[in-house]
Amino acid sequence: MSKKFLSREEVPFGPPQHTFGLRIVKEVWYDENGVREYWKYSLPDAVQIFGLTTEGLVVAISEFQPGVGVDYLHLPGETMEWGETPLKAAVRGLFEETGYVAETESVKLLSTILENSGRSDRLVHILLATNCKKSEHQGEKGIKTVLLSPSEFWNRLMQYFVTSPDHKHGGGNSLKATALAFSELGLLIIRKE
């Protein structure tokens, strides 16, 4: 017997202006064990941008992240606005956070990943933007733009994630995006078995 969707209800829990689009959702499904409730969180979809300058440097950022309580190096990301495409959100987010401009024809969607398939329907769209150029815009206040060669960026990410395996880490989407971008750029070889 396959599962059958019965209902979806949004459960209010806080003022919208303070929840960044976060919603709690209760879904009811029917399967061979009867009626089951699933509680999920829902957030607006987001983009993660792996940007390369015209010189081939990775456009990374460092900013304070309250979820882990520290500043750390990661890729720019942006919450999508209602009706916005991943491509437009990536171009907008890269510019707003770093001041770098990516022309839409040099931006490519690499993958769309569920943030947490067990508890959320939020999608994170991973995009590669090449030939990014610095504008006069300085980027978002509180965000430091860091330019690194692809190998330097990879080594910094790996050092961050593997030095303290028992420490909570943010930036997992940056790691996913970097692996996908490296594969697209021919910097990561996937062996066929």
Protein backbone atom coordinates (compact mmCIF):
# COMPACT_ATOMS: atom_id res chain seq x y z
CA MET A 1 0.00 0.00 0.00
CA SER A 2 1.34 3.43 -0.87
CA LYS A 3 1.08 6.45 1.33
CA LYS A 4 -1.85 8.80 0.82
CA PHE A 5 -1.63 12.48 1.69
CA LEU A 6 -4.64 13.64 3.77
CA SER A 7 -3.99 17.19 4.98
CA ARG A 8 -1.47 19.97 5.67
CA GLU A 9 -1.92 22.61 8.37
CA GLU A 10 0.36 25.52 9.18
CA VAL A 11 0.73 26.09 12.92
CA PRO A 12 1.39 29.73 13.91
CA PHE A 13 4.08 30.17 16.53
CA GLY A 14 5.49 33.68 16.31
CA PRO A 15 5.26 37.07 14.61
CA PRO A 16 6.17 36.75 10.89
CA GLN A 17 8.53 39.76 10.99
CA HIS A 18 10.76 37.88 13.48
CA THR A 19 10.66 34.35 12.07
CA PHE A 20 12.37 34.91 8.66
CA GLY A 21 9.60 32.98 6.90
CA LEU A 22 9.88 30.00 9.25
CA ARG A 23 6.66 28.06 9.61
CA ILE A 24 5.74 24.89 11.48
CA VAL A 25 3.63 22.48 9.45
CA LYS A 26 1.63 19.40 10.44
CA GLU A 27 0.96 16.90 7.66
CA VAL A 28 -1.35 13.92 7.97
CA TRP A 29 -0.72 10.81 5.85
CA TYR A 30 -2.38 7.42 5.64
CA ASP A 31 -0.43 4.19 5.09
CA GLU A 32 -0.65 0.49 5.98
CA ASN A 33 -0.27 1.39 9.68
CA GLY A 34 -3.16 3.86 9.63
CA VAL A 35 -3.19 7.64 9.99
CA ARG A 36 0.15 9.25 10.88
CA GLU A 37 1.11 12.86 11.70
CA TYR A 38 4.41 14.37 10.59
CA TRP A 39 5.69 17.69 11.98
CA LYS A 40 7.99 19.69 9.73
CA TYR A 41 9.50 23.12 9.51
CA SER A 42 9.13 25.17 6.38
CA LEU A 43 11.35 28.03 5.22
CA PRO A 44 11.56 29.94 1.95
CA ASP A 45 13.87 28.27 -0.58
CA ALA A 46 17.47 29.50 -0.76
CA VAL A 47 20.47 29.63 -3.08
CA GLN A 48 24.14 28.92 -2.41
CA ILE A 49 26.52 30.57 -4.87
CA PHE A 50 29.96 29.34 -5.87
CA GLY A 51 31.32 32.46 -7.57
CA LEU A 52 34.57 32.73 -9.49
CA THR A 53 36.11 36.06 -10.43
CA THR A 54 37.46 36.75 -13.93
CA GLU A 55 40.88 35.89 -12.42
CA GLY A 56 39.61 32.48 -11.25
CA LEU A 57 39.38 33.28 -7.53
CA VAL A 58 36.55 31.99 -5.34
CA VAL A 59 34.30 34.72 -3.93
CA ALA A 60 33.87 33.64 -0.30
CA ILE A 61 32.59 35.48 2.75
CA SER A 62 33.15 35.53 6.48
CA GLU A 63 30.48 36.73 8.87
CA PHE A 64 29.13 36.02 12.34
CA GLN A 65 26.68 33.12 12.32
CA PRO A 66 24.51 33.01 15.46
CA GLY A 67 23.63 29.32 14.92
CA VAL A 68 27.21 28.31 15.77
CA GLY A 69 28.28 31.51 17.56
CA VAL A 70 31.36 32.22 15.44
CA ASP A 71 32.60 33.83 12.23
CA TYR A 72 33.62 31.32 9.60
CA LEU A 73 34.49 31.19 5.92
CA HIS A 74 31.71 30.07 3.58
CA LEU A 75 30.06 30.83 0.25
CA PRO A 76 27.47 33.56 -0.25
CA GLY A 77 23.88 32.42 0.08
CA GLU A 78 20.51 34.08 -0.15
CA THR A 79 16.92 33.40 0.80
CA MET A 80 14.73 33.56 -2.27
CA GLU A 81 11.98 36.12 -2.51
CA TRP A 82 8.45 35.08 -3.46
CA GLY A 83 8.31 34.28 -7.19
CA GLU A 84 12.06 34.73 -7.68
CA THR A 85 14.01 32.19 -9.74
CA PRO A 86 17.17 30.59 -8.35
CA LEU A 87 19.20 32.35 -11.06
CA LYS A 88 17.90 35.81 -10.14
CA ALA A 89 18.30 35.13 -6.41
CA ALA A 90 21.93 34.05 -6.97
CA VAL A 91 22.80 37.17 -8.98
CA ARG A 92 21.05 39.39 -6.40
CA GLY A 93 22.53 37.62 -3.38
CA LEU A 94 26.09 37.65 -4.69
CA PHE A 95 25.84 41.38 -5.40
CA GLU A 96 24.16 42.31 -2.11
CA GLU A 97 26.55 40.33 0.08
CA THR A 98 29.85 40.92 -1.75
CA GLY A 99 29.44 43.64 -4.36
CA TYR A 100 30.40 41.18 -7.10
CA VAL A 101 28.35 41.16 -10.29
CA ALA A 102 27.53 37.97 -12.17
CA GLU A 103 25.91 38.19 -15.59
CA THR A 104 22.96 35.80 -15.85
CA GLU A 105 24.47 34.03 -18.88
CA SER A 106 27.49 33.04 -16.74
CA VAL A 107 25.38 31.52 -13.94
CA LYS A 108 24.46 27.84 -14.03
CA LEU A 109 22.22 25.78 -11.75
CA LEU A 110 24.24 22.75 -10.60
CA SER A 111 21.76 21.01 -8.31
CA THR A 112 18.71 21.42 -6.13
CA ILE A 113 18.99 19.79 -2.72
CA LEU A 114 16.42 19.30 0.04
CA GLU A 115 17.83 20.97 3.14
CA ASN A 116 16.51 18.27 5.47
CA SER A 117 14.34 15.75 3.63
CA GLY A 118 13.10 14.16 6.84
CA ARG A 119 11.77 17.35 8.40
CA SER A 120 11.52 20.09 5.77
CA ASP A 121 10.54 20.81 2.19
CA ARG A 122 13.01 23.71 1.87
CA LEU A 123 15.10 23.59 -1.29
CA VAL A 124 18.67 24.87 -1.55
CA HIS A 125 19.63 25.62 -5.15
CA ILE A 126 23.38 25.35 -5.81
CA LEU A 127 24.66 27.68 -8.54
CA LEU A 128 28.00 28.30 -10.23
CA ALA A 129 28.71 31.89 -11.31
CA THR A 130 31.82 32.49 -13.44
CA ASN A 131 33.48 35.71 -14.61
CA CYS A 132 32.26 37.67 -11.58
CA LYS A 133 33.41 41.30 -11.48
CA LYS A 134 33.71 43.68 -8.55
CA SER A 135 31.40 46.69 -8.62
CA GLU A 136 31.60 49.90 -6.58
CA HIS A 137 29.11 48.40 -4.09
CA GLN A 138 31.04 47.29 -0.99
CA GLY A 139 28.70 44.47 -0.04
CA GLU A 140 26.59 43.96 3.03
CA LYS A 141 27.72 45.52 6.30
CA GLY A 142 29.14 42.89 8.65
CA ILE A 143 30.18 40.59 5.81
CA LYS A 144 33.84 40.38 4.84
CA THR A 145 34.52 39.28 1.25
CA VAL A 146 37.50 36.92 0.93
CA LEU A 147 39.04 35.96 -2.42
CA LEU A 148 40.92 32.66 -2.55
CA SER A 149 42.22 30.28 -5.19
CA PRO A 150 40.02 27.18 -5.50
CA SER A 151 42.65 25.02 -3.77
CA GLU A 152 43.08 27.53 -0.92
CA PHE A 153 39.31 27.68 -0.44
CA TRP A 154 39.01 23.87 -0.44
CA ASN A 155 41.87 23.53 2.07
CA ARG A 156 40.31 26.14 4.37
CA LEU A 157 36.93 24.38 4.22
CA MET A 158 38.51 20.99 4.94
CA GLN A 159 40.55 22.39 7.81
CA TYR A 160 37.40 23.90 9.30
CA PHE A 161 35.35 20.71 9.04
CA VAL A 162 37.93 18.09 10.03
CA THR A 163 39.94 19.77 12.80
CA SER A 164 37.21 19.35 15.41
CA PRO A 165 34.80 16.60 14.31
CA ASP A 166 32.87 16.80 17.59
CA HIS A 167 32.30 20.57 17.23
CA LYS A 168 29.09 21.80 15.61
CA HIS A 169 29.84 23.26 12.19
CA GLY A 170 27.95 25.58 9.91
CA GLY A 171 28.65 25.89 6.22
CA GLY A 172 27.58 22.44 5.10
CA ASN A 173 25.87 23.95 2.06
CA SER A 174 29.19 25.58 1.12
CA LEU A 175 30.85 22.18 1.23
CA LYS A 176 28.13 20.68 -1.00
CA ALA A 177 28.29 23.62 -3.41
CA THR A 178 32.08 23.48 -3.61
CA ALA A 179 32.10 19.76 -4.41
CA LEU A 180 29.46 20.26 -7.14
CA ALA A 181 31.28 23.30 -8.59
CA PHE A 182 34.64 21.51 -8.55
CA SER A 183 33.06 18.59 -10.40
CA GLU A 184 31.55 20.95 -12.99
CA LEU A 185 34.88 22.76 -13.43
CA GLY A 186 36.87 19.53 -13.78
CA LEU A 187 38.70 20.09 -10.48
CA LEU A 188 37.20 17.03 -8.83
CA ILE A 189 37.34 13.68 -10.56
CA ILE A 190 34.61 11.17 -9.78
CA ARG A 191 35.82 7.64 -10.35
CA LYS A 192 33.55 5.26 -12.19
CA GLU A 193 33.50 1.78 -10.71
